[in-house]
Amino acid sequence: ECSCPELDEICKIARQAGSFGSRLTGAGWGGCSVHLVRQDGCENF
């Protein structure tokens, strides 16, 4: 229970946009997220 609605939304959008995997990074409760994306798809992502 260290995520937040904003991070959950970002990860959902990211997966729909082509991310193989998306998660928060850092302590949580806000902050940053990291996404696994094809190099040739980064710009569109």
All heavy atoms as atom14 arrays in JSON, in Angstrom:
{
  "sequence": "ECSCPELDEICKIARQAGSFGSRLTGAGWGGCSVHLVRQDGCENF",
  "atom14_mask": [
    [1, 1, 1, 1, 1, 1, 1, 1, 1, 0, 0, 0, 0, 0],
    [1, 1, 1, 1, 1, 1, 0, 0, 0, 0, 0, 0, 0, 0],
    [1, 1, 1, 1, 1, 1, 0, 0, 0, 0, 0, 0, 0, 0],
    [1, 1, 1, 1, 1, 1, 0, 0, 0, 0, 0, 0, 0, 0],
    [1, 1, 1, 1, 1, 1, 1, 0, 0, 0, 0, 0, 0, 0],
    [1, 1, 1, 1, 1, 1, 1, 1, 1, 0, 0, 0, 0, 0],
    [1, 1, 1, 1, 1, 1, 1, 1, 0, 0, 0, 0, 0, 0],
    [1, 1, 1, 1, 1, 1, 1, 1, 0, 0, 0, 0, 0, 0],
    [1, 1, 1, 1, 1, 1, 1, 1, 1, 0, 0, 0, 0, 0],
    [1, 1, 1, 1, 1, 1, 1, 1, 0, 0, 0, 0, 0, 0],
    [1, 1, 1, 1, 1, 1, 0, 0, 0, 0, 0, 0, 0, 0],
    [1, 1, 1, 1, 1, 1, 1, 1, 1, 0, 0, 0, 0, 0],
    [1, 1, 1, 1, 1, 1, 1, 1, 0, 0, 0, 0, 0, 0],
    [1, 1, 1, 1, 1, 0, 0, 0, 0, 0, 0, 0, 0, 0],
    [1, 1, 1, 1, 1, 1, 1, 1, 1, 1, 1, 0, 0, 0],
    [1, 1, 1, 1, 1, 1, 1, 1, 1, 0, 0, 0, 0, 0],
    [1, 1, 1, 1, 1, 0, 0, 0, 0, 0, 0, 0, 0, 0],
    [1, 1, 1, 1, 0, 0, 0, 0, 0, 0, 0, 0, 0, 0],
    [1, 1, 1, 1, 1, 1, 0, 0, 0, 0, 0, 0, 0, 0],
    [1, 1, 1, 1, 1, 1, 1, 1, 1, 1, 1, 0, 0, 0],
    [1, 1, 1, 1, 0, 0, 0, 0, 0, 0, 0, 0, 0, 0],
    [1, 1, 1, 1, 1, 1, 0, 0, 0, 0, 0, 0, 0, 0],
    [1, 1, 1, 1, 1, 1, 1, 1, 1, 1, 1, 0, 0, 0],
    [1, 1, 1, 1, 1, 1, 1, 1, 0, 0, 0, 0, 0, 0],
    [1, 1, 1, 1, 1, 1, 1, 0, 0, 0, 0, 0, 0, 0],
    [1, 1, 1, 1, 0, 0, 0, 0, 0, 0, 0, 0, 0, 0],
    [1, 1, 1, 1, 1, 0, 0, 0, 0, 0, 0, 0, 0, 0],
    [1, 1, 1, 1, 0, 0, 0, 0, 0, 0, 0, 0, 0, 0],
    [1, 1, 1, 1, 1, 1, 1, 1, 1, 1, 1, 1, 1, 1],
    [1, 1, 1, 1, 0, 0, 0, 0, 0, 0, 0, 0, 0, 0],
    [1, 1, 1, 1, 0, 0, 0, 0, 0, 0, 0, 0, 0, 0],
    [1, 1, 1, 1, 1, 1, 0, 0, 0, 0, 0, 0, 0, 0],
    [1, 1, 1, 1, 1, 1, 0, 0, 0, 0, 0, 0, 0, 0],
    [1, 1, 1, 1, 1, 1, 1, 0, 0, 0, 0, 0, 0, 0],
    [1, 1, 1, 1, 1, 1, 1, 1, 1, 1, 0, 0, 0, 0],
    [1, 1, 1, 1, 1, 1, 1, 1, 0, 0, 0, 0, 0, 0],
    [1, 1, 1, 1, 1, 1, 1, 0, 0, 0, 0, 0, 0, 0],
    [1, 1, 1, 1, 1, 1, 1, 1, 1, 1, 1, 0, 0, 0],
    [1, 1, 1, 1, 1, 1, 1, 1, 1, 0, 0, 0, 0, 0],
    [1, 1, 1, 1, 1, 1, 1, 1, 0, 0, 0, 0, 0, 0],
    [1, 1, 1, 1, 0, 0, 0, 0, 0, 0, 0, 0, 0, 0],
    [1, 1, 1, 1, 1, 1, 0, 0, 0, 0, 0, 0, 0, 0],
    [1, 1, 1, 1, 1, 1, 1, 1, 1, 0, 0, 0, 0, 0],
    [1, 1, 1, 1, 1, 1, 1, 1, 0, 0, 0, 0, 0, 0],
    [1, 1, 1, 1, 1, 1, 1, 1, 1, 1, 1, 0, 0, 0]
  ],
  "atom14_positions": [
    [[0.82, -1.22, 0.0], [0.0, 0.0, 0.0], [0.86, 1.27, 0.0], [0.64, 2.19, 0.78], [-0.95, 0.0, 1.2], [-1.97, -1.14, 1.15], [-2.91, -1.15, 2.33], [-2.54, -1.67, 3.4], [-4.04, -0.63, 2.18], [0.0, 0.0, 0.0], [0.0, 0.0, 0.0], [0.0, 0.0, 0.0], [0.0, 0.0, 0.0], [0.0, 0.0, 0.0]],
    [[1.83, 1.29, -0.92], [2.71, 2.45, -1.03], [2.59, 3.14, -2.38], [3.4, 3.99, -2.72], [4.17, 2.06, -0.78], [4.88, 0.92, -1.99], [0.0, 0.0, 0.0], [0.0, 0.0, 0.0], [0.0, 0.0, 0.0], [0.0, 0.0, 0.0], [0.0, 0.0, 0.0], [0.0, 0.0, 0.0], [0.0, 0.0, 0.0], [0.0, 0.0, 0.0]],
    [[1.56, 2.77, -3.15], [1.3, 3.47, -4.4], [0.32, 4.61, -4.11], [0.03, 4.93, -2.95], [0.75, 2.52, -5.46], [0.66, 3.16, -6.72], [0.0, 0.0, 0.0], [0.0, 0.0, 0.0], [0.0, 0.0, 0.0], [0.0, 0.0, 0.0], [0.0, 0.0, 0.0], [0.0, 0.0, 0.0], [0.0, 0.0, 0.0], [0.0, 0.0, 0.0]],
    [[-0.2, 5.2, -5.14], [-1.21, 6.27, -4.99], [-2.0, 6.3, -6.3], [-1.56, 5.76, -7.32], [-0.53, 7.61, -4.71], [0.5, 8.23, -6.04], [0.0, 0.0, 0.0], [0.0, 0.0, 0.0], [0.0, 0.0, 0.0], [0.0, 0.0, 0.0], [0.0, 0.0, 0.0], [0.0, 0.0, 0.0], [0.0, 0.0, 0.0], [0.0, 0.0, 0.0]],
    [[-3.18, 6.92, -6.31], [-4.01, 6.93, -7.52], [-3.29, 7.48, -8.74], [-3.51, 7.0, -9.87], [-5.2, 7.81, -7.12], [-5.3, 7.64, -5.64], [-3.87, 7.53, -5.16], [0.0, 0.0, 0.0], [0.0, 0.0, 0.0], [0.0, 0.0, 0.0], [0.0, 0.0, 0.0], [0.0, 0.0, 0.0], [0.0, 0.0, 0.0], [0.0, 0.0, 0.0]],
    [[-2.46, 8.5, -8.55], [-1.76, 9.1, -9.69], [-0.78, 8.11, -10.33], [-0.72, 7.97, -11.56], [-1.02, 10.36, -9.24], [-1.93, 11.49, -8.82], [-2.42, 11.38, -7.39], [-2.06, 10.4, -6.69], [-3.17, 12.28, -6.95], [0.0, 0.0, 0.0], [0.0, 0.0, 0.0], [0.0, 0.0, 0.0], [0.0, 0.0, 0.0], [0.0, 0.0, 0.0]],
    [[0.0, 7.4, -9.49], [0.93, 6.41, -10.02], [0.18, 5.25, -10.68], [0.61, 4.73, -11.71], [1.82, 5.87, -8.9], [2.97, 6.79, -8.47], [3.61, 6.27, -7.18], [4.02, 6.88, -9.57], [0.0, 0.0, 0.0], [0.0, 0.0, 0.0], [0.0, 0.0, 0.0], [0.0, 0.0, 0.0], [0.0, 0.0, 0.0], [0.0, 0.0, 0.0]],
    [[-0.93, 4.84, -10.07], [-1.73, 3.77, -10.66], [-2.23, 4.18, -12.04], [-2.22, 3.37, -12.98], [-2.92, 3.44, -9.76], [-2.5, 2.86, -8.41], [-1.38, 2.33, -8.32], [-3.31, 2.95, -7.46], [0.0, 0.0, 0.0], [0.0, 0.0, 0.0], [0.0, 0.0, 0.0], [0.0, 0.0, 0.0], [0.0, 0.0, 0.0], [0.0, 0.0, 0.0]],
    [[-2.66, 5.42, -12.18], [-3.17, 5.9, -13.46], [-2.06, 5.98, -14.5], [-2.24, 5.57, -15.66], [-3.81, 7.28, -13.28], [-4.42, 7.82, -14.57], [-5.04, 9.19, -14.4], [-5.06, 9.71, -13.27], [-5.5, 9.76, -15.42], [0.0, 0.0, 0.0], [0.0, 0.0, 0.0], [0.0, 0.0, 0.0], [0.0, 0.0, 0.0], [0.0, 0.0, 0.0]],
    [[-0.89, 6.49, -14.1], [0.24, 6.57, -15.02], [0.61, 5.18, -15.54], [0.84, 4.98, -16.73], [1.46, 7.23, -14.35], [1.21, 8.73, -14.18], [2.73, 7.0, -15.15], [2.31, 9.45, -13.42], [0.0, 0.0, 0.0], [0.0, 0.0, 0.0], [0.0, 0.0, 0.0], [0.0, 0.0, 0.0], [0.0, 0.0, 0.0], [0.0, 0.0, 0.0]],
    [[0.67, 4.2, -14.63], [1.04, 2.84, -15.03], [0.0, 2.24, -15.97], [0.35, 1.53, -16.93], [1.22, 1.96, -13.8], [2.7, 2.35, -12.83], [0.0, 0.0, 0.0], [0.0, 0.0, 0.0], [0.0, 0.0, 0.0], [0.0, 0.0, 0.0], [0.0, 0.0, 0.0], [0.0, 0.0, 0.0], [0.0, 0.0, 0.0], [0.0, 0.0, 0.0]],
    [[-1.27, 2.52, -15.71], [-2.32, 2.01, -16.59], [-2.2, 2.61, -17.98], [-2.27, 1.89, -18.99], [-3.69, 2.34, -15.99], [-4.86, 1.85, -16.83], [-6.19, 2.2, -16.17], [-7.36, 1.73, -17.03], [-8.67, 2.06, -16.41], [0.0, 0.0, 0.0], [0.0, 0.0, 0.0], [0.0, 0.0, 0.0], [0.0, 0.0, 0.0], [0.0, 0.0, 0.0]],
    [[-2.02, 3.92, -18.05], [-1.85, 4.59, -19.34], [-0.62, 4.06, -20.06], [-0.63, 3.82, -21.28], [-1.75, 6.11, -19.15], [-3.08, 6.67, -18.64], [-1.35, 6.8, -20.45], [-3.02, 8.13, -18.22], [0.0, 0.0, 0.0], [0.0, 0.0, 0.0], [0.0, 0.0, 0.0], [0.0, 0.0, 0.0], [0.0, 0.0, 0.0], [0.0, 0.0, 0.0]],
    [[0.47, 3.88, -19.31], [1.73, 3.43, -19.9], [1.59, 2.05, -20.53], [2.09, 1.8, -21.64], [2.82, 3.42, -18.84], [0.0, 0.0, 0.0], [0.0, 0.0, 0.0], [0.0, 0.0, 0.0], [0.0, 0.0, 0.0], [0.0, 0.0, 0.0], [0.0, 0.0, 0.0], [0.0, 0.0, 0.0], [0.0, 0.0, 0.0], [0.0, 0.0, 0.0]],
    [[0.92, 1.14, -19.84], [0.74, -0.21, -20.39], [-0.11, -0.18, -21.64], [0.17, -0.9, -22.61], [0.11, -1.11, -19.32], [1.01, -1.38, -18.14], [0.26, -1.95, -16.96], [1.09, -2.01, -15.77], [0.61, -2.2, -14.54], [-0.68, -2.37, -14.37], [1.43, -2.23, -13.51], [0.0, 0.0, 0.0], [0.0, 0.0, 0.0], [0.0, 0.0, 0.0]],
    [[-1.13, 0.67, -21.65], [-1.97, 0.8, -22.84], [-1.2, 1.43, -24.0], [-1.52, 1.2, -25.16], [-3.21, 1.64, -22.51], [-4.15, 0.97, -21.53], [-5.28, 1.88, -21.07], [-5.2, 3.1, -21.21], [-6.34, 1.29, -20.53], [0.0, 0.0, 0.0], [0.0, 0.0, 0.0], [0.0, 0.0, 0.0], [0.0, 0.0, 0.0], [0.0, 0.0, 0.0]],
    [[-0.15, 2.2, -23.64], [0.64, 2.89, -24.67], [1.8, 2.03, -25.18], [2.59, 2.51, -26.0], [1.18, 4.2, -24.11], [0.0, 0.0, 0.0], [0.0, 0.0, 0.0], [0.0, 0.0, 0.0], [0.0, 0.0, 0.0], [0.0, 0.0, 0.0], [0.0, 0.0, 0.0], [0.0, 0.0, 0.0], [0.0, 0.0, 0.0], [0.0, 0.0, 0.0]],
    [[1.93, 0.81, -24.68], [2.96, -0.09, -25.21], [4.04, -0.52, -24.25], [4.96, -1.23, -24.64], [0.0, 0.0, 0.0], [0.0, 0.0, 0.0], [0.0, 0.0, 0.0], [0.0, 0.0, 0.0], [0.0, 0.0, 0.0], [0.0, 0.0, 0.0], [0.0, 0.0, 0.0], [0.0, 0.0, 0.0], [0.0, 0.0, 0.0], [0.0, 0.0, 0.0]],
    [[3.95, -0.1, -22.99], [4.95, -0.54, -22.01], [4.78, -2.03, -21.71], [3.67, -2.51, -21.49], [4.79, 0.27, -20.72], [5.57, -0.29, -19.69], [0.0, 0.0, 0.0], [0.0, 0.0, 0.0], [0.0, 0.0, 0.0], [0.0, 0.0, 0.0], [0.0, 0.0, 0.0], [0.0, 0.0, 0.0], [0.0, 0.0, 0.0], [0.0, 0.0, 0.0]],
    [[5.89, -2.77, -21.72], [5.84, -4.17, -21.31], [5.52, -4.28, -19.83], [4.83, -5.2, -19.39], [7.19, -4.86, -21.58], [7.47, -5.12, -23.02], [8.37, -4.33, -23.72], [6.86, -6.17, -23.69], [8.65, -4.57, -25.05], [7.12, -6.42, -25.02], [8.03, -5.61, -25.71], [0.0, 0.0, 0.0], [0.0, 0.0, 0.0], [0.0, 0.0, 0.0]],
    [[6.05, -3.34, -19.05], [5.83, -3.35, -17.61], [6.01, -1.96, -17.04], [6.85, -1.19, -17.52], [0.0, 0.0, 0.0], [0.0, 0.0, 0.0], [0.0, 0.0, 0.0], [0.0, 0.0, 0.0], [0.0, 0.0, 0.0], [0.0, 0.0, 0.0], [0.0, 0.0, 0.0], [0.0, 0.0, 0.0], [0.0, 0.0, 0.0], [0.0, 0.0, 0.0]],
    [[5.22, -1.63, -16.04], [5.29, -0.3, -15.43], [5.11, -0.42, -13.93], [4.26, -1.19, -13.45], [4.19, 0.61, -15.99], [4.34, 0.78, -17.38], [0.0, 0.0, 0.0], [0.0, 0.0, 0.0], [0.0, 0.0, 0.0], [0.0, 0.0, 0.0], [0.0, 0.0, 0.0], [0.0, 0.0, 0.0], [0.0, 0.0, 0.0], [0.0, 0.0, 0.0]],
    [[5.9, 0.34, -13.19], [5.78, 0.31, -11.73], [6.32, 1.61, -11.15], [7.05, 2.35, -11.82], [6.57, -0.87, -11.14], [8.08, -0.73, -11.29], [8.82, -1.92, -10.68], [8.58, -2.06, -9.27], [9.27, -1.42, -8.32], [10.22, -0.56, -8.65], [9.0, -1.62, -7.05], [0.0, 0.0, 0.0], [0.0, 0.0, 0.0], [0.0, 0.0, 0.0]],
    [[5.95, 1.85, -9.9], [6.55, 2.98, -9.19], [8.0, 2.67, -8.88], [8.42, 1.5, -8.88], [5.77, 3.28, -7.9], [5.75, 2.22, -6.79], [6.98, 2.28, -5.9], [4.5, 2.39, -5.92], [0.0, 0.0, 0.0], [0.0, 0.0, 0.0], [0.0, 0.0, 0.0], [0.0, 0.0, 0.0], [0.0, 0.0, 0.0], [0.0, 0.0, 0.0]],
    [[8.78, 3.67, -8.62], [10.16, 3.46, -8.19], [10.47, 4.47, -7.1], [9.95, 5.59, -7.11], [11.15, 3.6, -9.37], [12.47, 3.29, -8.93], [11.14, 4.99, -9.96], [0.0, 0.0, 0.0], [0.0, 0.0, 0.0], [0.0, 0.0, 0.0], [0.0, 0.0, 0.0], [0.0, 0.0, 0.0], [0.0, 0.0, 0.0], [0.0, 0.0, 0.0]],
    [[11.25, 4.06, -6.14], [11.48, 4.88, -4.96], [10.62, 4.39, -3.81], [10.09, 3.27, -3.85], [0.0, 0.0, 0.0], [0.0, 0.0, 0.0], [0.0, 0.0, 0.0], [0.0, 0.0, 0.0], [0.0, 0.0, 0.0], [0.0, 0.0, 0.0], [0.0, 0.0, 0.0], [0.0, 0.0, 0.0], [0.0, 0.0, 0.0], [0.0, 0.0, 0.0]],
    [[10.46, 5.2, -2.79], [9.73, 4.78, -1.6], [8.23, 4.66, -1.84], [7.55, 3.91, -1.13], [9.99, 5.78, -0.46], [0.0, 0.0, 0.0], [0.0, 0.0, 0.0], [0.0, 0.0, 0.0], [0.0, 0.0, 0.0], [0.0, 0.0, 0.0], [0.0, 0.0, 0.0], [0.0, 0.0, 0.0], [0.0, 0.0, 0.0], [0.0, 0.0, 0.0]],
    [[7.7, 5.36, -2.83], [6.28, 5.28, -3.11], [5.51, 6.47, -2.57], [6.08, 7.48, -2.18], [0.0, 0.0, 0.0], [0.0, 0.0, 0.0], [0.0, 0.0, 0.0], [0.0, 0.0, 0.0], [0.0, 0.0, 0.0], [0.0, 0.0, 0.0], [0.0, 0.0, 0.0], [0.0, 0.0, 0.0], [0.0, 0.0, 0.0], [0.0, 0.0, 0.0]],
    [[4.16, 6.34, -2.55], [3.25, 7.4, -2.13], [3.45, 8.67, -2.96], [3.4, 9.78, -2.46], [3.4, 7.7, -0.63], [3.03, 6.55, 0.24], [1.76, 6.09, 0.47], [3.92, 5.69, 0.96], [1.82, 4.99, 1.32], [3.12, 4.73, 1.62], [5.3, 5.63, 1.12], [3.66, 3.73, 2.43], [5.83, 4.65, 1.92], [5.02, 3.71, 2.56]],
    [[3.7, 8.46, -4.23], [4.01, 9.57, -5.13], [5.4, 9.39, -5.7], [6.0, 8.32, -5.58], [0.0, 0.0, 0.0], [0.0, 0.0, 0.0], [0.0, 0.0, 0.0], [0.0, 0.0, 0.0], [0.0, 0.0, 0.0], [0.0, 0.0, 0.0], [0.0, 0.0, 0.0], [0.0, 0.0, 0.0], [0.0, 0.0, 0.0], [0.0, 0.0, 0.0]],
    [[5.91, 10.39, -6.35], [7.28, 10.31, -6.86], [7.33, 9.82, -8.29], [6.57, 10.28, -9.14], [0.0, 0.0, 0.0], [0.0, 0.0, 0.0], [0.0, 0.0, 0.0], [0.0, 0.0, 0.0], [0.0, 0.0, 0.0], [0.0, 0.0, 0.0], [0.0, 0.0, 0.0], [0.0, 0.0, 0.0], [0.0, 0.0, 0.0], [0.0, 0.0, 0.0]],
    [[8.2, 8.86, -8.55], [8.54, 8.48, -9.93], [8.0, 7.11, -10.32], [7.65, 6.29, -9.48], [10.05, 8.5, -10.11], [10.82, 10.09, -9.77], [0.0, 0.0, 0.0], [0.0, 0.0, 0.0], [0.0, 0.0, 0.0], [0.0, 0.0, 0.0], [0.0, 0.0, 0.0], [0.0, 0.0, 0.0], [0.0, 0.0, 0.0], [0.0, 0.0, 0.0]],
    [[7.95, 6.88, -11.61], [7.59, 5.58, -12.16], [8.6, 5.21, -13.23], [9.28, 6.08, -13.78], [6.17, 5.6, -12.76], [6.09, 6.56, -13.79], [0.0, 0.0, 0.0], [0.0, 0.0, 0.0], [0.0, 0.0, 0.0], [0.0, 0.0, 0.0], [0.0, 0.0, 0.0], [0.0, 0.0, 0.0], [0.0, 0.0, 0.0], [0.0, 0.0, 0.0]],
    [[8.7, 3.91, -13.52], [9.64, 3.42, -14.52], [8.89, 2.46, -15.44], [8.02, 1.7, -14.98], [10.87, 2.74, -13.86], [10.45, 1.56, -13.01], [11.9, 2.33, -14.9], [0.0, 0.0, 0.0], [0.0, 0.0, 0.0], [0.0, 0.0, 0.0], [0.0, 0.0, 0.0], [0.0, 0.0, 0.0], [0.0, 0.0, 0.0], [0.0, 0.0, 0.0]],
    [[9.24, 2.47, -16.73], [8.49, 1.7, -17.72], [9.46, 1.01, -18.68], [10.48, 1.59, -19.07], [7.55, 2.62, -18.5], [6.77, 3.55, -17.62], [5.59, 3.19, -17.04], [7.04, 4.82, -17.19], [5.13, 4.2, -16.3], [6.01, 5.19, -16.38], [0.0, 0.0, 0.0], [0.0, 0.0, 0.0], [0.0, 0.0, 0.0], [0.0, 0.0, 0.0]],
    [[9.14, -0.21, -19.04], [9.96, -0.97, -19.98], [9.35, -0.85, -21.37], [8.27, -1.38, -21.63], [10.02, -2.45, -19.54], [10.9, -3.37, -20.39], [12.36, -2.93, -20.34], [10.77, -4.82, -19.91], [0.0, 0.0, 0.0], [0.0, 0.0, 0.0], [0.0, 0.0, 0.0], [0.0, 0.0, 0.0], [0.0, 0.0, 0.0], [0.0, 0.0, 0.0]],
    [[10.06, -0.14, -22.24], [9.52, 0.2, -23.56], [10.56, -0.09, -24.64], [11.77, 0.06, -24.41], [9.14, 1.71, -23.6], [8.55, 2.09, -24.94], [8.18, 2.04, -22.47], [0.0, 0.0, 0.0], [0.0, 0.0, 0.0], [0.0, 0.0, 0.0], [0.0, 0.0, 0.0], [0.0, 0.0, 0.0], [0.0, 0.0, 0.0], [0.0, 0.0, 0.0]],
    [[10.09, -0.48, -25.82], [11.0, -0.65, -26.95], [11.7, 0.67, -27.27], [11.08, 1.74, -27.21], [10.24, -1.11, -28.18], [9.69, -2.52, -28.12], [8.97, -2.82, -29.42], [8.41, -4.16, -29.45], [9.11, -5.25, -29.77], [10.39, -5.12, -30.09], [8.55, -6.43, -29.77], [0.0, 0.0, 0.0], [0.0, 0.0, 0.0], [0.0, 0.0, 0.0]],
    [[12.96, 0.58, -27.63], [13.71, 1.79, -27.95], [13.08, 2.55, -29.1], [13.0, 3.79, -29.08], [15.16, 1.45, -28.26], [16.05, 2.66, -28.46], [17.52, 2.29, -28.6], [17.86, 1.13, -28.67], [18.38, 3.28, -28.63], [0.0, 0.0, 0.0], [0.0, 0.0, 0.0], [0.0, 0.0, 0.0], [0.0, 0.0, 0.0], [0.0, 0.0, 0.0]],
    [[12.62, 1.81, -30.1], [12.05, 2.49, -31.27], [10.64, 3.01, -31.02], [10.05, 3.65, -31.89], [12.07, 1.57, -32.5], [11.3, 0.27, -32.28], [10.61, 0.15, -31.24], [11.37, -0.62, -33.14], [0.0, 0.0, 0.0], [0.0, 0.0, 0.0], [0.0, 0.0, 0.0], [0.0, 0.0, 0.0], [0.0, 0.0, 0.0], [0.0, 0.0, 0.0]],
    [[10.11, 2.73, -29.82], [8.78, 3.21, -29.5], [8.76, 4.28, -28.43], [7.69, 4.74, -28.01], [0.0, 0.0, 0.0], [0.0, 0.0, 0.0], [0.0, 0.0, 0.0], [0.0, 0.0, 0.0], [0.0, 0.0, 0.0], [0.0, 0.0, 0.0], [0.0, 0.0, 0.0], [0.0, 0.0, 0.0], [0.0, 0.0, 0.0], [0.0, 0.0, 0.0]],
    [[9.95, 4.7, -27.98], [10.04, 5.65, -26.87], [9.39, 7.0, -27.19], [8.69, 7.58, -26.35], [11.49, 5.87, -26.48], [12.17, 4.58, -25.43], [0.0, 0.0, 0.0], [0.0, 0.0, 0.0], [0.0, 0.0, 0.0], [0.0, 0.0, 0.0], [0.0, 0.0, 0.0], [0.0, 0.0, 0.0], [0.0, 0.0, 0.0], [0.0, 0.0, 0.0]],
    [[9.63, 7.49, -28.37], [9.13, 8.82, -28.71], [7.6, 8.86, -28.66], [7.01, 9.78, -28.06], [9.62, 9.22, -30.1], [9.27, 10.65, -30.48], [9.9, 11.07, -31.81], [10.86, 10.42, -32.26], [9.4, 12.07, -32.38], [0.0, 0.0, 0.0], [0.0, 0.0, 0.0], [0.0, 0.0, 0.0], [0.0, 0.0, 0.0], [0.0, 0.0, 0.0]],
    [[6.96, 7.87, -29.26], [5.5, 7.82, -29.25], [4.97, 7.55, -27.84], [3.93, 8.09, -27.45], [4.99, 6.74, -30.21], [5.17, 7.13, -31.67], [5.25, 8.31, -32.0], [5.23, 6.14, -32.54], [0.0, 0.0, 0.0], [0.0, 0.0, 0.0], [0.0, 0.0, 0.0], [0.0, 0.0, 0.0], [0.0, 0.0, 0.0], [0.0, 0.0, 0.0]],
    [[5.71, 6.73, -27.11], [5.29, 6.41, -25.74], [5.28, 7.67, -24.87], [4.31, 7.94, -24.15], [6.25, 5.37, -25.14], [5.98, 5.06, -23.7], [4.97, 4.18, -23.34], [6.75, 5.64, -22.7], [4.72, 3.89, -22.0], [6.51, 5.36, -21.36], [5.49, 4.48, -21.01], [0.0, 0.0, 0.0], [0.0, 0.0, 0.0], [0.0, 0.0, 0.0]]
  ]
}
